[in-house]
Amino acid sequence: MPRPLSRPSRDEVPPEDRADYDAALAHWFAAPGSDSGIAEPDPTRANHLWAAALMHSPRFASHRAEAGRLLRTAPDREGSFTHPDREWVGMVLAVHLGTNVIQAIHVPAALAVGVRPEAIRAVYARRDEDLSERERLLADYVRQVVDGTVTDECFDRVQEILGTRGIVEYTYYITMIFTVYRQVQAFGARDFTDDEILEILDDAEQRMATL
């Protein structure tokens, strides 16, 4: 089967995996208002392509869906990272890894939760000096985590602002998003140029200004 992989039908899944299949399907493809309640995968959306591929392993897909829910709601619990901290990870990783494969989704999401558009532009321009102290510290930590070069100094400083549970959850989140980038690339999603992503950033910023 060529890339990108199409989503398997429920009938193609072994009976013992169908509960996991149903749970993952509801998580990623729920479409309120449609006749079936389930959306067809949109090949232009990297998250749909990624999820469609994962559905070939329903137990993995169901586990990943639950992990995603837990990590996205971590900022709603006291003592962890914030929603802007969460979306900041993707902004930093995209530039550091040299791929914008999921940025068309995550850039508007980052603005929606309060990530500064100026900070995103600074990361793409490799101008860390234009970041706030918190943005710069977390950017350093994100890069060090995926490179396997975390220093005691950086770890201690991040722990000071996020707390012990917060830095544990943030580290876990960073590595999860790193795997998403690589999985989406492997599954054959279209990448975007930096210029295309900056245009998406401009459009999203303009739409938010009119709200």
Protein backbone atom coordinates (compact mmCIF):
# COMPACT_ATOMS: atom_id res chain seq x y z
CA MET A 1 0.00 0.00 0.00
CA PRO A 2 1.60 3.32 -1.08
CA ARG A 3 2.00 6.34 1.13
CA PRO A 4 0.00 8.01 2.50
CA LEU A 5 -1.85 5.08 4.03
CA SER A 6 -5.62 5.10 3.82
CA ARG A 7 -7.69 4.53 6.95
CA PRO A 8 -8.76 0.87 7.26
CA SER A 9 -12.44 0.05 7.53
CA ARG A 10 -13.78 -1.51 10.72
CA ASP A 11 -14.30 -4.79 8.89
CA GLU A 12 -10.58 -4.97 8.13
CA VAL A 13 -9.72 -4.87 11.82
CA PRO A 14 -9.51 -8.10 13.89
CA PRO A 15 -12.50 -8.43 16.23
CA GLU A 16 -10.32 -8.20 19.33
CA ASP A 17 -9.06 -4.75 18.19
CA ARG A 18 -12.41 -3.19 17.33
CA ALA A 19 -13.05 -1.52 20.70
CA ASP A 20 -9.71 0.27 20.36
CA TYR A 21 -10.50 1.07 16.73
CA ASP A 22 -13.83 2.62 17.73
CA ALA A 23 -12.22 4.69 20.50
CA ALA A 24 -9.52 6.04 18.18
CA LEU A 25 -12.02 6.68 15.39
CA ALA A 26 -14.23 8.73 17.71
CA HIS A 27 -11.24 10.70 18.95
CA TRP A 28 -9.77 11.72 15.60
CA PHE A 29 -12.62 11.54 13.14
CA ALA A 30 -15.75 12.51 15.04
CA ALA A 31 -17.83 14.82 12.84
CA PRO A 32 -20.84 16.19 14.73
CA GLY A 33 -23.75 16.83 12.38
CA SER A 34 -22.73 14.32 9.72
CA ASP A 35 -24.99 11.39 8.90
CA SER A 36 -22.52 8.85 10.22
CA GLY A 37 -20.87 11.06 12.84
CA ILE A 38 -17.51 10.12 11.33
CA ALA A 39 -15.49 12.30 8.97
CA GLU A 40 -13.58 11.00 6.00
CA PRO A 41 -9.82 11.52 6.35
CA ASP A 42 -8.74 14.80 4.80
CA PRO A 43 -5.46 14.14 2.94
CA THR A 44 -4.56 17.83 3.14
CA ARG A 45 -4.47 17.68 6.95
CA ALA A 46 -1.35 16.11 8.41
CA ASN A 47 -3.13 15.09 11.62
CA HIS A 48 -5.77 13.20 9.62
CA LEU A 49 -3.13 11.46 7.52
CA TRP A 50 -1.17 10.52 10.65
CA ALA A 51 -4.26 9.26 12.47
CA ALA A 52 -5.45 7.29 9.43
CA ALA A 53 -2.11 5.47 9.36
CA LEU A 54 -2.20 4.76 13.09
CA MET A 55 -5.63 3.18 12.69
CA HIS A 56 -3.90 0.17 11.12
CA SER A 57 -2.73 -0.58 14.67
CA PRO A 58 -5.88 0.13 16.72
CA ARG A 59 -4.28 -0.55 20.09
CA PHE A 60 -1.45 1.85 19.38
CA ALA A 61 -3.95 4.38 17.99
CA SER A 62 -6.21 4.17 21.03
CA HIS A 63 -3.28 4.49 23.42
CA ARG A 64 -1.94 7.50 21.53
CA ALA A 65 -5.35 9.17 21.51
CA GLU A 66 -5.63 8.83 25.29
CA ALA A 67 -2.07 10.11 25.78
CA GLY A 68 -2.90 13.08 23.57
CA ARG A 69 -5.95 13.94 25.65
CA LEU A 70 -3.93 13.74 28.84
CA LEU A 71 -1.14 15.94 27.54
CA ARG A 72 -3.41 18.56 25.97
CA THR A 73 -5.28 18.95 29.26
CA ALA A 74 -2.18 19.04 31.48
CA PRO A 75 -2.26 22.88 31.53
CA ASP A 76 -5.76 22.72 33.01
CA ARG A 77 -4.33 21.08 36.13
CA GLU A 78 -2.45 23.08 38.72
CA GLY A 79 1.29 22.55 38.84
CA SER A 80 2.10 21.96 35.17
CA PHE A 81 2.98 23.85 32.00
CA THR A 82 0.63 26.36 30.35
CA HIS A 83 -1.22 26.10 27.04
CA PRO A 84 1.16 28.62 25.40
CA ASP A 85 4.09 26.56 26.73
CA ARG A 86 2.49 23.50 25.12
CA GLU A 87 2.12 24.99 21.63
CA TRP A 88 5.52 26.67 21.91
CA VAL A 89 7.09 23.21 21.70
CA GLY A 90 5.86 22.72 18.14
CA MET A 91 7.06 26.14 17.02
CA VAL A 92 10.57 25.47 18.30
CA LEU A 93 10.76 21.89 17.07
CA ALA A 94 9.64 22.70 13.54
CA VAL A 95 12.58 25.01 13.01
CA HIS A 96 15.04 22.86 14.93
CA LEU A 97 14.10 19.71 13.01
CA GLY A 98 13.83 21.49 9.67
CA THR A 99 10.28 20.39 8.91
CA ASN A 100 6.94 22.19 8.86
CA VAL A 101 4.95 19.04 8.25
CA ILE A 102 2.37 19.75 10.99
CA GLN A 103 2.78 23.51 11.27
CA ALA A 104 -0.22 24.43 9.12
CA ILE A 105 -2.33 23.11 11.99
CA HIS A 106 -0.20 24.14 14.93
CA VAL A 107 0.58 27.75 14.02
CA PRO A 108 -3.08 28.88 14.21
CA ALA A 109 -3.49 26.74 17.33
CA ALA A 110 -0.49 28.44 18.91
CA LEU A 111 -1.91 31.90 18.28
CA ALA A 112 -5.29 30.81 19.64
CA VAL A 113 -3.81 29.91 23.03
CA GLY A 114 -1.66 33.02 23.33
CA VAL A 115 1.73 32.32 21.76
CA ARG A 116 3.10 35.64 20.51
CA PRO A 117 3.26 35.87 16.71
CA GLU A 118 6.44 37.91 17.13
CA ALA A 119 7.98 34.98 18.99
CA ILE A 120 7.10 32.57 16.19
CA ARG A 121 8.66 34.89 13.63
CA ALA A 122 11.76 35.25 15.81
CA VAL A 123 12.19 31.46 15.98
CA TYR A 124 11.88 31.16 12.20
CA ALA A 125 14.42 33.96 11.79
CA ARG A 126 16.77 32.27 14.29
CA ARG A 127 16.66 35.36 16.49
CA ASP A 128 16.46 34.01 20.03
CA GLU A 129 17.51 37.43 21.30
CA ASP A 130 14.02 38.68 20.37
CA LEU A 131 12.32 36.12 22.62
CA SER A 132 11.15 36.75 26.16
CA GLU A 133 13.19 35.17 28.94
CA ARG A 134 10.62 32.37 29.38
CA GLU A 135 10.33 31.73 25.63
CA ARG A 136 14.10 31.56 25.26
CA LEU A 137 14.55 29.26 28.26
CA LEU A 138 11.86 26.84 27.10
CA ALA A 139 13.21 26.92 23.53
CA ASP A 140 16.64 25.97 24.85
CA TYR A 141 15.12 23.15 26.87
CA VAL A 142 13.08 21.80 23.95
CA ARG A 143 16.17 21.66 21.76
CA GLN A 144 18.29 20.08 24.46
CA VAL A 145 15.69 17.40 25.15
CA VAL A 146 15.47 16.21 21.53
CA ASP A 147 19.24 16.47 21.08
CA GLY A 148 19.97 14.55 24.29
CA THR A 149 22.05 17.43 25.67
CA VAL A 150 20.06 18.66 28.70
CA THR A 151 22.30 20.51 31.14
CA ASP A 152 21.81 20.71 34.89
CA GLU A 153 21.55 24.48 34.65
CA CYS A 154 18.78 24.45 32.04
CA PHE A 155 16.88 21.65 33.80
CA ASP A 156 17.01 23.48 37.13
CA ARG A 157 15.79 26.75 35.63
CA VAL A 158 12.87 25.09 33.85
CA GLN A 159 11.99 23.19 37.03
CA GLU A 160 11.88 26.49 38.90
CA ILE A 161 9.15 27.88 36.64
CA LEU A 162 7.18 24.69 35.90
CA GLY A 163 7.62 22.75 39.14
CA THR A 164 8.72 19.14 39.43
CA ARG A 165 5.56 17.59 38.00
CA GLY A 166 5.49 20.30 35.36
CA ILE A 167 8.97 19.60 34.03
CA VAL A 168 8.29 15.86 33.99
CA GLU A 169 5.09 16.37 32.00
CA TYR A 170 6.72 18.97 29.74
CA THR A 171 9.64 16.66 28.95
CA TYR A 172 7.21 13.87 28.14
CA TYR A 173 5.20 16.21 25.92
CA ILE A 174 8.31 17.39 24.05
CA THR A 175 9.32 13.85 23.20
CA MET A 176 5.78 12.93 22.18
CA ILE A 177 5.59 15.84 19.73
CA PHE A 178 9.03 14.93 18.40
CA THR A 179 7.73 11.45 17.55
CA VAL A 180 4.66 12.95 15.87
CA TYR A 181 6.86 14.99 13.53
CA ARG A 182 8.89 11.94 12.53
CA GLN A 183 5.84 9.68 12.21
CA VAL A 184 3.98 12.18 10.04
CA GLN A 185 7.04 12.53 7.82
CA ALA A 186 7.39 8.74 7.51
CA PHE A 187 3.71 8.34 6.65
CA GLY A 188 4.17 10.67 3.68
CA ALA A 189 2.53 13.97 4.61
CA ARG A 190 3.23 17.03 2.53
CA ASP A 191 5.78 19.43 4.02
CA PHE A 192 5.56 23.22 3.88
CA THR A 193 8.20 25.84 3.24
CA ASP A 194 9.01 28.42 5.90
CA ASP A 195 7.50 31.10 3.66
CA GLU A 196 4.23 29.17 3.43
CA ILE A 197 4.08 28.83 7.21
CA LEU A 198 4.76 32.53 7.71
CA GLU A 199 1.91 33.30 5.32
CA ILE A 200 -0.35 31.05 7.41
CA LEU A 201 0.85 32.94 10.49
CA ASP A 202 0.03 36.29 8.87
CA ASP A 203 -3.45 35.11 7.85
CA ALA A 204 -4.20 33.67 11.28
CA GLU A 205 -3.03 36.85 12.99
CA GLN A 206 -5.23 38.98 10.73
CA ARG A 207 -8.28 36.79 11.41
CA MET A 208 -7.74 37.02 15.14
CA ALA A 209 -7.46 40.80 14.92
CA THR A 210 -10.97 40.98 13.46
CA LEU A 211 -12.57 38.92 16.23
